[in-house]
Amino acid sequence: MELPEIGSPMFLALGDGVNFRSRLEAVDEDTFSVAAPLETTGPEGFLPGYEFEVFWVPPRTRIVMPVLLKQVSDSAPFRWALFPTAEPVISNRREFARGGAGAPIRLFGEWGPQYLQGKMLDISEGGLRFWVPDATAFREGDYMRALVWLGNGEAELKGKVYAVRPANDGPGFHVVLIFKTVDPLAQMIRQYVIAWEIGERRKAQRGQN
């Protein structure tokens, strides 16, 4: 089982076109452990026996491996023990870049004509993760609409609530909305994420000087 180095980023493709960032924590004889994604922290939600794909991205390629969820830790730090069900393969399938943070969001749904407010955590061409102080209005599977400012304009995103989880870094909740995009909206999101990545690299460089 050829895996990246311990601590390397890994991505969990849990369905509906949404990928969650994780990292490789440990490698055993026939299984390996990854950090449970923030959106699924804890033993509830995904249970042993669930099958999905993981992938990692060495330079200029992408390696995919199907796995079976063997065990979920019941105490922090939460980890998933995964069993490979096939050999890893190189894949050229496109993945959505993800980034951004802090932009205010207006949220519209089945709760009524008034909008709720949230704060973006990150966005890609397939999903939006945001923070809200209260999650009583959000249920997994509900359809909703989000308006978010992406630097040069406001994007309207229509999709389905994929996950609702308590924030593990303070009060409030994290919500994941999944959606499908076509140009020009997809291009707008790509440009926003690229600009955000450039800004983050510049911040890191200034911090090293």
N, C-alpha and C. Protein backbone atom coordinates (compact mmCIF):
# COMPACT_ATOMS: atom_id res chain seq x y z
N MET A 1 0.85 -1.18 0.00
CA MET A 1 0.00 0.00 0.00
C MET A 1 0.89 1.23 0.00
N GLU A 2 1.02 1.89 -1.14
CA GLU A 2 1.86 3.07 -1.27
C GLU A 2 1.04 4.32 -0.97
N LEU A 3 1.36 4.95 0.14
CA LEU A 3 0.64 6.13 0.59
C LEU A 3 1.61 7.30 0.74
N PRO A 4 1.11 8.52 0.79
CA PRO A 4 2.00 9.66 1.01
C PRO A 4 2.54 9.65 2.44
N GLU A 5 3.38 10.60 2.77
CA GLU A 5 3.97 10.67 4.10
C GLU A 5 2.91 11.02 5.14
N ILE A 6 3.16 10.55 6.37
CA ILE A 6 2.27 10.88 7.47
C ILE A 6 2.15 12.41 7.58
N GLY A 7 0.93 12.88 7.76
CA GLY A 7 0.68 14.31 7.83
C GLY A 7 0.33 14.96 6.51
N SER A 8 0.45 14.21 5.40
CA SER A 8 0.13 14.77 4.09
C SER A 8 -1.37 14.97 3.93
N PRO A 9 -1.78 16.00 3.18
CA PRO A 9 -3.21 16.20 2.91
C PRO A 9 -3.79 15.03 2.12
N MET A 10 -4.99 14.62 2.48
CA MET A 10 -5.76 13.64 1.73
C MET A 10 -7.18 14.18 1.61
N PHE A 11 -7.88 13.73 0.59
CA PHE A 11 -9.23 14.21 0.35
C PHE A 11 -10.19 13.03 0.32
N LEU A 12 -11.34 13.20 0.95
CA LEU A 12 -12.34 12.15 1.06
C LEU A 12 -13.53 12.50 0.17
N ALA A 13 -13.78 11.67 -0.84
CA ALA A 13 -14.89 11.90 -1.76
C ALA A 13 -16.10 11.15 -1.22
N LEU A 14 -16.93 11.84 -0.44
CA LEU A 14 -18.00 11.19 0.31
C LEU A 14 -19.33 11.18 -0.42
N GLY A 15 -19.35 11.60 -1.67
CA GLY A 15 -20.58 11.54 -2.45
C GLY A 15 -21.11 12.90 -2.82
N ASP A 16 -22.02 12.92 -3.81
CA ASP A 16 -22.67 14.14 -4.28
C ASP A 16 -21.67 15.17 -4.79
N GLY A 17 -20.50 14.72 -5.23
CA GLY A 17 -19.53 15.63 -5.81
C GLY A 17 -18.79 16.50 -4.81
N VAL A 18 -18.89 16.18 -3.52
CA VAL A 18 -18.25 16.99 -2.49
C VAL A 18 -17.04 16.25 -1.94
N ASN A 19 -15.91 16.95 -1.88
CA ASN A 19 -14.69 16.39 -1.32
C ASN A 19 -14.32 17.13 -0.05
N PHE A 20 -13.96 16.37 1.00
CA PHE A 20 -13.59 16.97 2.27
C PHE A 20 -12.10 16.78 2.51
N ARG A 21 -11.46 17.86 2.92
CA ARG A 21 -10.02 17.81 3.17
C ARG A 21 -9.75 17.09 4.49
N SER A 22 -8.73 16.24 4.48
CA SER A 22 -8.30 15.53 5.68
C SER A 22 -6.78 15.44 5.64
N ARG A 23 -6.21 14.56 6.45
CA ARG A 23 -4.77 14.32 6.39
C ARG A 23 -4.50 12.90 6.86
N LEU A 24 -3.40 12.35 6.39
CA LEU A 24 -3.01 11.00 6.77
C LEU A 24 -2.39 11.02 8.16
N GLU A 25 -2.96 10.23 9.08
CA GLU A 25 -2.51 10.24 10.48
C GLU A 25 -1.61 9.06 10.82
N ALA A 26 -1.92 7.86 10.29
CA ALA A 26 -1.15 6.67 10.65
C ALA A 26 -1.37 5.59 9.61
N VAL A 27 -0.41 4.68 9.49
CA VAL A 27 -0.50 3.55 8.56
C VAL A 27 -0.22 2.28 9.34
N ASP A 28 -1.17 1.33 9.29
CA ASP A 28 -1.00 0.04 9.95
C ASP A 28 -0.79 -1.04 8.90
N GLU A 29 -0.86 -2.28 9.32
CA GLU A 29 -0.54 -3.38 8.40
C GLU A 29 -1.50 -3.44 7.23
N ASP A 30 -2.82 -3.36 7.47
CA ASP A 30 -3.77 -3.44 6.37
C ASP A 30 -4.78 -2.30 6.36
N THR A 31 -4.62 -1.33 7.23
CA THR A 31 -5.49 -0.15 7.25
C THR A 31 -4.64 1.11 7.42
N PHE A 32 -5.27 2.25 7.23
CA PHE A 32 -4.62 3.51 7.54
C PHE A 32 -5.66 4.45 8.13
N SER A 33 -5.21 5.44 8.87
CA SER A 33 -6.12 6.35 9.58
C SER A 33 -5.98 7.76 9.03
N VAL A 34 -7.12 8.43 8.93
CA VAL A 34 -7.15 9.83 8.52
C VAL A 34 -7.94 10.62 9.55
N ALA A 35 -7.69 11.92 9.59
CA ALA A 35 -8.46 12.80 10.47
C ALA A 35 -9.89 12.89 9.94
N ALA A 36 -10.86 12.74 10.84
CA ALA A 36 -12.25 12.91 10.44
C ALA A 36 -12.47 14.34 9.96
N PRO A 37 -13.11 14.53 8.81
CA PRO A 37 -13.33 15.91 8.33
C PRO A 37 -14.18 16.68 9.33
N LEU A 38 -13.96 18.00 9.39
CA LEU A 38 -14.65 18.84 10.37
C LEU A 38 -16.16 18.70 10.26
N GLU A 39 -16.66 18.49 9.03
CA GLU A 39 -18.11 18.42 8.84
C GLU A 39 -18.71 17.13 9.36
N THR A 40 -17.90 16.15 9.70
CA THR A 40 -18.41 14.85 10.14
C THR A 40 -17.77 14.43 11.46
N THR A 41 -17.33 15.39 12.27
CA THR A 41 -16.62 15.08 13.50
C THR A 41 -17.49 14.23 14.42
N GLY A 42 -16.88 13.23 15.04
CA GLY A 42 -17.60 12.40 15.99
C GLY A 42 -18.03 11.09 15.38
N PRO A 43 -18.56 10.19 16.21
CA PRO A 43 -18.91 8.85 15.73
C PRO A 43 -20.22 8.79 14.95
N GLU A 44 -21.08 9.84 15.05
CA GLU A 44 -22.36 9.78 14.35
C GLU A 44 -22.16 10.14 12.89
N GLY A 45 -23.21 9.89 12.10
CA GLY A 45 -23.13 10.26 10.67
C GLY A 45 -22.65 9.09 9.84
N PHE A 46 -21.40 9.07 9.45
CA PHE A 46 -20.85 7.99 8.63
C PHE A 46 -20.45 6.83 9.54
N LEU A 47 -20.92 5.63 9.21
CA LEU A 47 -20.74 4.46 10.06
C LEU A 47 -19.83 3.45 9.37
N PRO A 48 -19.19 2.55 10.15
CA PRO A 48 -18.38 1.49 9.55
C PRO A 48 -19.17 0.72 8.50
N GLY A 49 -18.49 0.41 7.40
CA GLY A 49 -19.12 -0.26 6.28
C GLY A 49 -19.37 0.66 5.10
N TYR A 50 -19.25 1.99 5.32
CA TYR A 50 -19.46 2.94 4.24
C TYR A 50 -18.27 2.90 3.27
N GLU A 51 -18.56 2.85 1.98
CA GLU A 51 -17.51 2.78 0.96
C GLU A 51 -17.46 4.10 0.18
N PHE A 52 -16.25 4.57 -0.07
CA PHE A 52 -16.06 5.81 -0.82
C PHE A 52 -14.64 5.82 -1.38
N GLU A 53 -14.19 6.95 -1.89
CA GLU A 53 -12.84 7.07 -2.45
C GLU A 53 -12.06 8.11 -1.68
N VAL A 54 -10.77 7.88 -1.57
CA VAL A 54 -9.85 8.91 -1.09
C VAL A 54 -8.89 9.22 -2.23
N PHE A 55 -8.33 10.42 -2.20
CA PHE A 55 -7.31 10.74 -3.19
C PHE A 55 -6.32 11.72 -2.60
N TRP A 56 -5.13 11.75 -3.19
CA TRP A 56 -4.10 12.71 -2.82
C TRP A 56 -3.46 13.21 -4.10
N VAL A 57 -2.76 14.33 -4.00
CA VAL A 57 -2.36 15.04 -5.22
C VAL A 57 -0.86 15.34 -5.20
N PRO A 58 -0.03 14.36 -5.56
CA PRO A 58 1.38 14.66 -5.78
C PRO A 58 1.50 15.65 -6.95
N PRO A 59 2.69 16.21 -7.15
CA PRO A 59 2.86 17.17 -8.25
C PRO A 59 2.46 16.58 -9.60
N ARG A 60 1.62 17.33 -10.31
CA ARG A 60 1.23 17.04 -11.69
C ARG A 60 0.43 15.75 -11.85
N THR A 61 -0.20 15.25 -10.78
CA THR A 61 -1.03 14.05 -10.93
C THR A 61 -2.02 13.99 -9.79
N ARG A 62 -2.82 12.94 -9.78
CA ARG A 62 -3.82 12.72 -8.74
C ARG A 62 -3.99 11.22 -8.59
N ILE A 63 -3.92 10.71 -7.37
CA ILE A 63 -3.99 9.28 -7.12
C ILE A 63 -5.26 8.98 -6.32
N VAL A 64 -6.04 8.03 -6.81
CA VAL A 64 -7.35 7.70 -6.23
C VAL A 64 -7.33 6.26 -5.73
N MET A 65 -7.98 6.04 -4.58
CA MET A 65 -8.07 4.68 -4.05
C MET A 65 -9.43 4.48 -3.38
N PRO A 66 -10.18 3.44 -3.76
CA PRO A 66 -11.44 3.13 -3.07
C PRO A 66 -11.16 2.50 -1.70
N VAL A 67 -11.97 2.86 -0.72
CA VAL A 67 -11.74 2.38 0.64
C VAL A 67 -13.06 2.01 1.30
N LEU A 68 -12.94 1.29 2.41
CA LEU A 68 -14.06 0.93 3.27
C LEU A 68 -13.81 1.50 4.65
N LEU A 69 -14.79 2.19 5.21
CA LEU A 69 -14.66 2.74 6.56
C LEU A 69 -14.78 1.59 7.56
N LYS A 70 -13.67 1.30 8.26
CA LYS A 70 -13.63 0.18 9.20
C LYS A 70 -14.02 0.59 10.62
N GLN A 71 -13.56 1.76 11.04
CA GLN A 71 -13.79 2.15 12.44
C GLN A 71 -13.78 3.68 12.55
N VAL A 72 -14.61 4.20 13.45
CA VAL A 72 -14.66 5.63 13.75
C VAL A 72 -14.33 5.79 15.23
N SER A 73 -13.33 6.57 15.55
CA SER A 73 -12.98 6.77 16.95
C SER A 73 -14.12 7.49 17.67
N ASP A 74 -14.29 7.19 18.96
CA ASP A 74 -15.40 7.77 19.72
C ASP A 74 -14.94 8.87 20.67
N SER A 75 -13.71 9.32 20.51
CA SER A 75 -13.21 10.43 21.33
C SER A 75 -12.20 11.23 20.50
N ALA A 76 -12.02 12.48 20.89
CA ALA A 76 -11.09 13.35 20.17
C ALA A 76 -9.64 12.94 20.46
N PRO A 77 -8.72 13.09 19.50
CA PRO A 77 -8.96 13.58 18.13
C PRO A 77 -9.65 12.52 17.29
N PHE A 78 -10.72 12.88 16.62
CA PHE A 78 -11.51 11.92 15.87
C PHE A 78 -10.76 11.47 14.61
N ARG A 79 -10.76 10.15 14.43
CA ARG A 79 -10.09 9.56 13.27
C ARG A 79 -10.97 8.49 12.64
N TRP A 80 -10.73 8.26 11.34
CA TRP A 80 -11.37 7.18 10.62
C TRP A 80 -10.29 6.16 10.24
N ALA A 81 -10.53 4.91 10.52
CA ALA A 81 -9.67 3.82 10.06
C ALA A 81 -10.24 3.29 8.75
N LEU A 82 -9.42 3.29 7.70
CA LEU A 82 -9.88 2.94 6.36
C LEU A 82 -9.15 1.70 5.85
N PHE A 83 -9.90 0.84 5.16
CA PHE A 83 -9.34 -0.37 4.56
C PHE A 83 -9.40 -0.24 3.04
N PRO A 84 -8.28 -0.28 2.33
CA PRO A 84 -8.30 -0.18 0.86
C PRO A 84 -9.00 -1.39 0.24
N THR A 85 -9.90 -1.15 -0.69
CA THR A 85 -10.60 -2.24 -1.37
C THR A 85 -10.04 -2.49 -2.77
N ALA A 86 -9.07 -1.68 -3.20
CA ALA A 86 -8.41 -1.87 -4.49
C ALA A 86 -7.10 -1.08 -4.47
N GLU A 87 -6.25 -1.37 -5.43
CA GLU A 87 -4.98 -0.65 -5.52
C GLU A 87 -5.20 0.80 -5.94
N PRO A 88 -4.37 1.73 -5.47
CA PRO A 88 -4.49 3.11 -5.93
C PRO A 88 -4.14 3.23 -7.41
N VAL A 89 -4.82 4.16 -8.10
CA VAL A 89 -4.58 4.37 -9.52
C VAL A 89 -4.42 5.86 -9.78
N ILE A 90 -3.70 6.19 -10.84
CA ILE A 90 -3.55 7.58 -11.26
C ILE A 90 -4.81 7.99 -12.02
N SER A 91 -5.34 9.13 -11.69
CA SER A 91 -6.56 9.63 -12.33
C SER A 91 -6.33 11.07 -12.78
N ASN A 92 -6.86 11.39 -13.93
CA ASN A 92 -6.78 12.76 -14.44
C ASN A 92 -8.11 13.49 -14.29
N ARG A 93 -9.04 12.89 -13.52
CA ARG A 93 -10.34 13.52 -13.33
C ARG A 93 -10.18 14.86 -12.62
N ARG A 94 -10.89 15.86 -13.09
CA ARG A 94 -10.76 17.20 -12.56
C ARG A 94 -11.37 17.30 -11.17
N GLU A 95 -10.71 18.00 -10.29
CA GLU A 95 -11.24 18.29 -8.96
C GLU A 95 -11.35 19.80 -8.78
N PHE A 96 -12.31 20.21 -8.00
CA PHE A 96 -12.54 21.62 -7.79
C PHE A 96 -11.60 22.17 -6.74
N ALA A 97 -10.94 23.29 -7.06
CA ALA A 97 -10.14 24.00 -6.07
C ALA A 97 -11.08 24.65 -5.07
N ARG A 98 -10.60 24.78 -3.83
CA ARG A 98 -11.45 25.24 -2.74
C ARG A 98 -10.69 26.28 -1.92
N GLY A 99 -11.34 27.38 -1.57
CA GLY A 99 -10.66 28.39 -0.79
C GLY A 99 -11.60 29.52 -0.44
N GLY A 100 -11.02 30.59 0.10
CA GLY A 100 -11.80 31.75 0.50
C GLY A 100 -12.25 31.66 1.93
N ALA A 101 -12.59 32.78 2.51
CA ALA A 101 -13.07 32.79 3.89
C ALA A 101 -13.55 34.18 4.26
N GLY A 102 -14.55 34.23 5.15
CA GLY A 102 -14.93 35.47 5.79
C GLY A 102 -16.00 36.30 5.13
N ALA A 103 -16.35 36.02 3.87
CA ALA A 103 -17.34 36.86 3.20
C ALA A 103 -18.73 36.65 3.81
N PRO A 104 -19.51 37.73 3.97
CA PRO A 104 -20.87 37.58 4.49
C PRO A 104 -21.78 36.89 3.48
N ILE A 105 -22.77 36.15 3.98
CA ILE A 105 -23.68 35.39 3.13
C ILE A 105 -25.12 35.69 3.55
N ARG A 106 -26.00 35.84 2.56
CA ARG A 106 -27.43 35.92 2.82
C ARG A 106 -28.06 34.60 2.38
N LEU A 107 -28.88 34.02 3.24
CA LEU A 107 -29.41 32.68 3.03
C LEU A 107 -30.93 32.71 2.97
N PHE A 108 -31.48 32.05 1.94
CA PHE A 108 -32.92 32.00 1.74
C PHE A 108 -33.35 30.54 1.66
N GLY A 109 -34.47 30.21 2.33
CA GLY A 109 -34.92 28.82 2.32
C GLY A 109 -36.39 28.69 2.64
N GLU A 110 -36.77 27.50 3.05
CA GLU A 110 -38.17 27.19 3.30
C GLU A 110 -38.69 27.79 4.60
N TRP A 111 -37.82 28.47 5.37
CA TRP A 111 -38.27 29.03 6.65
C TRP A 111 -39.11 30.28 6.46
N GLY A 112 -39.12 30.89 5.26
CA GLY A 112 -39.95 32.08 5.04
C GLY A 112 -39.25 33.10 4.17
N PRO A 113 -39.87 34.28 3.99
CA PRO A 113 -39.31 35.28 3.07
C PRO A 113 -38.07 35.99 3.60
N GLN A 114 -37.89 36.04 4.92
CA GLN A 114 -36.74 36.72 5.47
C GLN A 114 -35.48 35.89 5.29
N TYR A 115 -34.36 36.59 5.03
CA TYR A 115 -33.11 35.88 4.87
C TYR A 115 -32.37 35.78 6.20
N LEU A 116 -31.53 34.74 6.31
CA LEU A 116 -30.64 34.57 7.45
C LEU A 116 -29.24 34.97 7.02
N GLN A 117 -28.40 35.26 7.97
CA GLN A 117 -27.04 35.68 7.68
C GLN A 117 -26.04 34.63 8.15
N GLY A 118 -24.98 34.49 7.36
CA GLY A 118 -23.89 33.58 7.71
C GLY A 118 -22.57 34.14 7.26
N LYS A 119 -21.53 33.35 7.42
CA LYS A 119 -20.17 33.76 7.02
C LYS A 119 -19.51 32.61 6.29
N MET A 120 -18.97 32.89 5.11
CA MET A 120 -18.34 31.85 4.31
C MET A 120 -17.07 31.33 4.97
N LEU A 121 -16.92 30.01 4.95
CA LEU A 121 -15.68 29.37 5.39
C LEU A 121 -14.81 29.03 4.19
N ASP A 122 -15.38 28.44 3.14
CA ASP A 122 -14.69 28.24 1.87
C ASP A 122 -15.71 27.89 0.80
N ILE A 123 -15.25 27.94 -0.45
CA ILE A 123 -16.14 27.70 -1.58
C ILE A 123 -15.38 27.01 -2.69
N SER A 124 -16.08 26.22 -3.49
CA SER A 124 -15.53 25.63 -4.71
C SER A 124 -16.63 25.67 -5.76
N GLU A 125 -16.36 25.14 -6.94
CA GLU A 125 -17.37 25.10 -7.98
C GLU A 125 -18.48 24.10 -7.69
N GLY A 126 -18.30 23.30 -6.63
CA GLY A 126 -19.31 22.30 -6.31
C GLY A 126 -19.91 22.41 -4.93
N GLY A 127 -19.34 23.27 -4.08
CA GLY A 127 -19.85 23.32 -2.72
C GLY A 127 -19.46 24.61 -2.01
N LEU A 128 -20.28 24.96 -1.02
CA LEU A 128 -20.05 26.12 -0.17
C LEU A 128 -20.13 25.67 1.28
N ARG A 129 -19.13 26.03 2.07
CA ARG A 129 -19.16 25.75 3.51
C ARG A 129 -19.22 27.07 4.24
N PHE A 130 -20.20 27.21 5.14
CA PHE A 130 -20.37 28.49 5.82
C PHE A 130 -20.72 28.28 7.28
N TRP A 131 -20.54 29.37 8.05
CA TRP A 131 -20.82 29.38 9.49
C TRP A 131 -22.10 30.16 9.76
N VAL A 132 -22.92 29.65 10.67
CA VAL A 132 -24.11 30.36 11.14
C VAL A 132 -24.15 30.26 12.66
N PRO A 133 -24.71 31.26 13.33
CA PRO A 133 -24.77 31.20 14.78
C PRO A 133 -25.78 30.19 15.30
N ASP A 134 -26.81 29.91 14.49
CA ASP A 134 -27.86 28.97 14.89
C ASP A 134 -28.28 28.14 13.69
N ALA A 135 -28.47 26.84 13.86
CA ALA A 135 -28.73 25.96 12.71
C ALA A 135 -30.12 25.34 12.75
N THR A 136 -31.02 25.88 13.56
CA THR A 136 -32.35 25.27 13.65
C THR A 136 -33.11 25.32 12.32
N ALA A 137 -32.78 26.26 11.45
CA ALA A 137 -33.48 26.38 10.17
C ALA A 137 -32.91 25.49 9.09
N PHE A 138 -31.77 24.81 9.36
CA PHE A 138 -31.09 24.04 8.33
C PHE A 138 -31.21 22.55 8.61
N ARG A 139 -31.67 21.81 7.60
CA ARG A 139 -31.76 20.35 7.71
C ARG A 139 -31.12 19.71 6.49
N GLU A 140 -30.41 18.63 6.71
CA GLU A 140 -29.76 17.93 5.60
C GLU A 140 -30.81 17.49 4.58
N GLY A 141 -30.54 17.77 3.32
CA GLY A 141 -31.45 17.43 2.24
C GLY A 141 -32.35 18.56 1.80
N ASP A 142 -32.45 19.63 2.61
CA ASP A 142 -33.27 20.78 2.23
C ASP A 142 -32.61 21.56 1.09
N TYR A 143 -33.42 22.17 0.25
CA TYR A 143 -32.92 23.03 -0.81
C TYR A 143 -32.98 24.48 -0.36
N MET A 144 -31.98 25.25 -0.74
CA MET A 144 -31.91 26.63 -0.32
C MET A 144 -31.10 27.44 -1.32
N ARG A 145 -31.05 28.75 -1.08
CA ARG A 145 -30.35 29.68 -1.96
C ARG A 145 -29.43 30.54 -1.12
N ALA A 146 -28.23 30.79 -1.61
CA ALA A 146 -27.25 31.61 -0.90
C ALA A 146 -26.73 32.70 -1.82
N LEU A 147 -26.60 33.90 -1.30
CA LEU A 147 -26.00 35.02 -2.02
C LEU A 147 -24.71 35.39 -1.30
N VAL A 148 -23.59 35.34 -2.01
CA VAL A 148 -22.30 35.60 -1.39
C VAL A 148 -21.48 36.52 -2.30
N TRP A 149 -20.78 37.47 -1.70
CA TRP A 149 -19.94 38.42 -2.45
C TRP A 149 -18.59 37.78 -2.73
N LEU A 150 -18.22 37.69 -4.01
CA LEU A 150 -16.97 37.05 -4.42
C LEU A 150 -16.01 38.04 -5.06
N GLY A 151 -15.70 39.07 -4.34
CA GLY A 151 -14.69 40.01 -4.80
C GLY A 151 -15.18 41.04 -5.77
N ASN A 152 -15.62 40.60 -6.96
CA ASN A 152 -16.05 41.54 -8.00
C ASN A 152 -17.55 41.50 -8.25
N GLY A 153 -18.27 40.70 -7.51
CA GLY A 153 -19.70 40.61 -7.74
C GLY A 153 -20.34 39.61 -6.79
N GLU A 154 -21.67 39.62 -6.76
CA GLU A 154 -22.41 38.72 -5.88
C GLU A 154 -22.84 37.48 -6.65
N ALA A 155 -22.57 36.31 -6.10
CA ALA A 155 -22.94 35.05 -6.73
C ALA A 155 -24.19 34.50 -6.07
N GLU A 156 -25.09 33.98 -6.89
CA GLU A 156 -26.29 33.32 -6.39
C GLU A 156 -26.12 31.82 -6.55
N LEU A 157 -26.18 31.09 -5.44
CA LEU A 157 -25.95 29.65 -5.43
C LEU A 157 -27.22 28.94 -4.98
N LYS A 158 -27.70 28.02 -5.79
CA LYS A 158 -28.89 27.25 -5.45
C LYS A 158 -28.48 25.78 -5.32
N GLY A 159 -28.78 25.19 -4.17
CA GLY A 159 -28.36 23.81 -3.99
C GLY A 159 -29.03 23.15 -2.81
N LYS A 160 -28.42 22.07 -2.34
CA LYS A 160 -28.97 21.22 -1.28
C LYS A 160 -28.04 21.20 -0.08
N VAL A 161 -28.62 21.25 1.11
CA VAL A 161 -27.82 21.16 2.33
C VAL A 161 -27.29 19.74 2.47
N TYR A 162 -25.97 19.63 2.51
CA TYR A 162 -25.32 18.32 2.57
C TYR A 162 -24.99 17.91 4.00
N ALA A 163 -24.59 18.87 4.85
CA ALA A 163 -24.20 18.54 6.22
C ALA A 163 -24.42 19.75 7.12
N VAL A 164 -24.80 19.47 8.36
CA VAL A 164 -24.94 20.49 9.40
C VAL A 164 -24.25 19.95 10.64
N ARG A 165 -23.20 20.64 11.10
CA ARG A 165 -22.41 20.14 12.22
C ARG A 165 -22.06 21.28 13.16
N PRO A 166 -22.00 21.01 14.48
CA PRO A 166 -21.52 22.05 15.40
C PRO A 166 -20.08 22.44 15.07
N ALA A 167 -19.78 23.72 15.15
CA ALA A 167 -18.41 24.18 14.93
C ALA A 167 -17.52 23.66 16.04
N ASN A 168 -16.37 23.13 15.68
CA ASN A 168 -15.47 22.57 16.70
C ASN A 168 -14.47 23.59 17.21
N ASP A 169 -14.53 24.82 16.69
CA ASP A 169 -13.57 25.84 17.10
C ASP A 169 -14.24 27.02 17.79
N GLY A 170 -15.47 26.82 18.25
CA GLY A 170 -16.18 27.90 18.92
C GLY A 170 -17.68 27.71 18.80
N PRO A 171 -18.46 28.75 19.14
CA PRO A 171 -19.91 28.64 19.04
C PRO A 171 -20.38 28.62 17.60
N GLY A 172 -21.62 28.24 17.39
CA GLY A 172 -22.19 28.24 16.06
C GLY A 172 -22.11 26.89 15.38
N PHE A 173 -22.43 26.89 14.08
CA PHE A 173 -22.52 25.66 13.30
C PHE A 173 -21.90 25.85 11.93
N HIS A 174 -21.39 24.75 11.37
CA HIS A 174 -20.89 24.72 10.00
C HIS A 174 -21.92 24.00 9.13
N VAL A 175 -22.24 24.60 7.99
CA VAL A 175 -23.21 24.03 7.06
C VAL A 175 -22.54 23.89 5.70
N VAL A 176 -22.77 22.77 5.03
CA VAL A 176 -22.24 22.54 3.68
C VAL A 176 -23.40 22.52 2.70
N LEU A 177 -23.33 23.38 1.69
CA LEU A 177 -24.31 23.44 0.62
C LEU A 177 -23.65 22.94 -0.66
N ILE A 178 -24.26 21.97 -1.33
CA ILE A 178 -23.70 21.48 -2.59
C ILE A 178 -24.58 21.96 -3.74
N PHE A 179 -23.96 22.20 -4.89
CA PHE A 179 -24.68 22.76 -6.03
C PHE A 179 -23.90 22.44 -7.31
N LYS A 180 -24.53 22.69 -8.44
CA LYS A 180 -23.88 22.53 -9.74
C LYS A 180 -23.78 23.90 -10.40
N THR A 181 -22.66 24.11 -11.10
CA THR A 181 -22.43 25.41 -11.73
C THR A 181 -22.06 25.24 -13.20
N VAL A 182 -22.36 26.25 -13.96
CA VAL A 182 -21.90 26.37 -15.35
C VAL A 182 -21.37 27.78 -15.50
N ASP A 183 -20.59 28.02 -16.55
CA ASP A 183 -20.10 29.37 -16.81
C ASP A 183 -21.29 30.30 -17.09
N PRO A 184 -21.24 31.58 -16.67
CA PRO A 184 -20.06 32.27 -16.12
C PRO A 184 -19.88 32.15 -14.60
N LEU A 185 -20.86 31.53 -13.90
CA LEU A 185 -20.75 31.42 -12.45
C LEU A 185 -19.55 30.57 -12.05
N ALA A 186 -19.32 29.45 -12.75
CA ALA A 186 -18.19 28.59 -12.43
C ALA A 186 -16.87 29.34 -12.59
N GLN A 187 -16.77 30.13 -13.66
CA GLN A 187 -15.55 30.91 -13.88
C GLN A 187 -15.37 31.97 -12.79
N MET A 188 -16.46 32.57 -12.36
CA MET A 188 -16.39 33.57 -11.29
C MET A 188 -15.85 32.96 -10.00
N ILE A 189 -16.32 31.76 -9.67
CA ILE A 189 -15.83 31.08 -8.46
C ILE A 189 -14.37 30.71 -8.61
N ARG A 190 -13.97 30.19 -9.80
CA ARG A 190 -12.57 29.84 -10.03
C ARG A 190 -11.67 31.05 -9.84
N GLN A 191 -12.05 32.17 -10.43
CA GLN A 191 -11.23 33.38 -10.32
C GLN A 191 -11.13 33.85 -8.87
N TYR A 192 -12.22 33.73 -8.13
CA TYR A 192 -12.20 34.14 -6.73
C TYR A 192 -11.25 33.26 -5.92
N VAL A 193 -11.32 31.94 -6.12
CA VAL A 193 -10.46 31.02 -5.37
C VAL A 193 -8.99 31.25 -5.73
N ILE A 194 -8.70 31.46 -7.02
CA ILE A 194 -7.31 31.72 -7.44
C ILE A 194 -6.79 32.99 -6.78
N ALA A 195 -7.60 34.05 -6.80
CA ALA A 195 -7.18 35.32 -6.17
C ALA A 195 -6.96 35.13 -4.68
N TRP A 196 -7.82 34.34 -4.04
CA TRP A 196 -7.66 34.07 -2.60
C TRP A 196 -6.36 33.32 -2.34
N GLU A 197 -6.06 32.29 -3.17
CA GLU A 197 -4.83 31.51 -2.99
C GLU A 197 -3.60 32.41 -3.15
N ILE A 198 -3.62 33.29 -4.14
CA ILE A 198 -2.49 34.21 -4.34
C ILE A 198 -2.32 35.10 -3.11
N GLY A 199 -3.43 35.62 -2.59
CA GLY A 199 -3.36 36.45 -1.40
C GLY A 199 -2.81 35.72 -0.19
N GLU A 200 -3.20 34.44 -0.02
CA GLU A 200 -2.70 33.65 1.10
C GLU A 200 -1.20 33.40 0.97
N ARG A 201 -0.74 33.15 -0.26
CA ARG A 201 0.71 32.93 -0.45
C ARG A 201 1.48 34.21 -0.14
N ARG A 202 0.95 35.35 -0.53
CA ARG A 202 1.63 36.62 -0.25
C ARG A 202 1.68 36.88 1.26
N LYS A 203 0.61 36.56 1.97
CA LYS A 203 0.61 36.70 3.43
C LYS A 203 1.68 35.83 4.06
N ALA A 204 1.79 34.57 3.57
CA ALA A 204 2.79 33.65 4.12
C ALA A 204 4.20 34.15 3.86
N GLN A 205 4.42 34.71 2.65
CA GLN A 205 5.74 35.23 2.32
C GLN A 205 6.10 36.44 3.20
N ARG A 206 5.12 37.32 3.43
CA ARG A 206 5.39 38.46 4.29
C ARG A 206 5.69 38.02 5.72
N GLY A 207 5.01 36.94 6.15
CA GLY A 207 5.26 36.44 7.49
C GLY A 207 6.64 35.85 7.67
N GLN A 208 7.25 35.38 6.56
CA GLN A 208 8.58 34.79 6.64
C GLN A 208 9.68 35.85 6.58
N ASN A 209 9.34 37.05 6.14
CA ASN A 209 10.34 38.11 6.00
C ASN A 209 10.54 38.87 7.32
